[in-house]
Amino acid sequence: MLKKLSLIITVSLAASLNASACDINGNSGFMPENDMYISVNAKVRSDMTEERFNEIIDRADKFYRPIIEDLGGKLKWSRGWNDGTVNASAQRQWKTYKVNMYGGLARHALVTDDAFAMVVCHELGHHLGGAPKIGNFFNKWASNEGQSDYFAALKCFRRMYESDDNIAMMANVKVPTTVVKKCEANYSDANDIALCKRISLAGKSLADLLGSLRSSPATDFDTPDTGEVNRTNNSHPAAQCRLDTYFQGAICDKRISDALDNKDPLAGTCNRSQGYTDGVRPLCWYNPKK
């Protein structure tokens, strides 16, 4: 009996260390399961090229490969430019932190370059986003969907692009008034304000994509999801809720260097219990108590 129990534990542990995300069983990715497929020859986005696809991934790799190596892991990219799948996913294979990116997603008409970078960050977020985590005793390496979105805006995109001339990049971009006010209220540095706006618009691009898949009403910064979950939702939140998460991540004034924690969701984040009203995880997917 003891030998049998040991075998079960060994098999379960092996399965957990070779698990997939975005959902715990690997049945979906950044987006819910869908049958969209945009081939490499599709003429939906003339401005997204294989070179740009790789440049965005390379930039993420530059910053996050050393961080993962410091954790004793190895970052591995699967660059499926020729794959028309409109999705992305992450896997943990022992000490290999794998991220799978597909050309179909990058070529989608609603996905801007910044939005594609945000998805790269979301997948890295499953590996590095901290609590709340998804899974069970044997399988709890992945940050859940909402936390991965929050990490993407709060830490990753900011880390990747803080050195850009964001002021110049956003100078002629139309930004919703709510975004302008919130970014200016939470940051004093002009480049930080511009980066906050940039992150928010990247999130809007993805929310529009997600909403189109579910035939949801249009998302808007002025109409946040007012729902409150009884228990933290580990799966894909609705499109408006995800926009709210990206936006809150954008306006949280915590430093990039403020470390997240795999057990404590308060570490490195903006929280109601700490007196924050801006930058907090939306209650439409996150319950601070459960």
Foldseek 3Di string as FASTA:
>chain_A
DVVVVVVVLVVLLQDQQFAKDPDRNNCFALARDDDFFAALPHPQDPPDDLVLLVVLVVLLCVPCQVVLVVVVAGEEEAEALRTRDQGWIWTRRNRYTYTYDHNNVVRHNLADSLLSSLSVQLRVCQQFQAPPFDDDPSHTRGHFSLSSLLRSQQARSCVSPLPPQLCVVCVPPDADPVLQVLLVVQDPDSSLSSSLRVQLVSLLSVLQVNCVRVVHPRADPVDADPDADPAAARHDFHSSLSSQSSNLSSNWNFDNPQGHHNPDRVGRFDDVVVVDPGSHRDRSRDDPVD
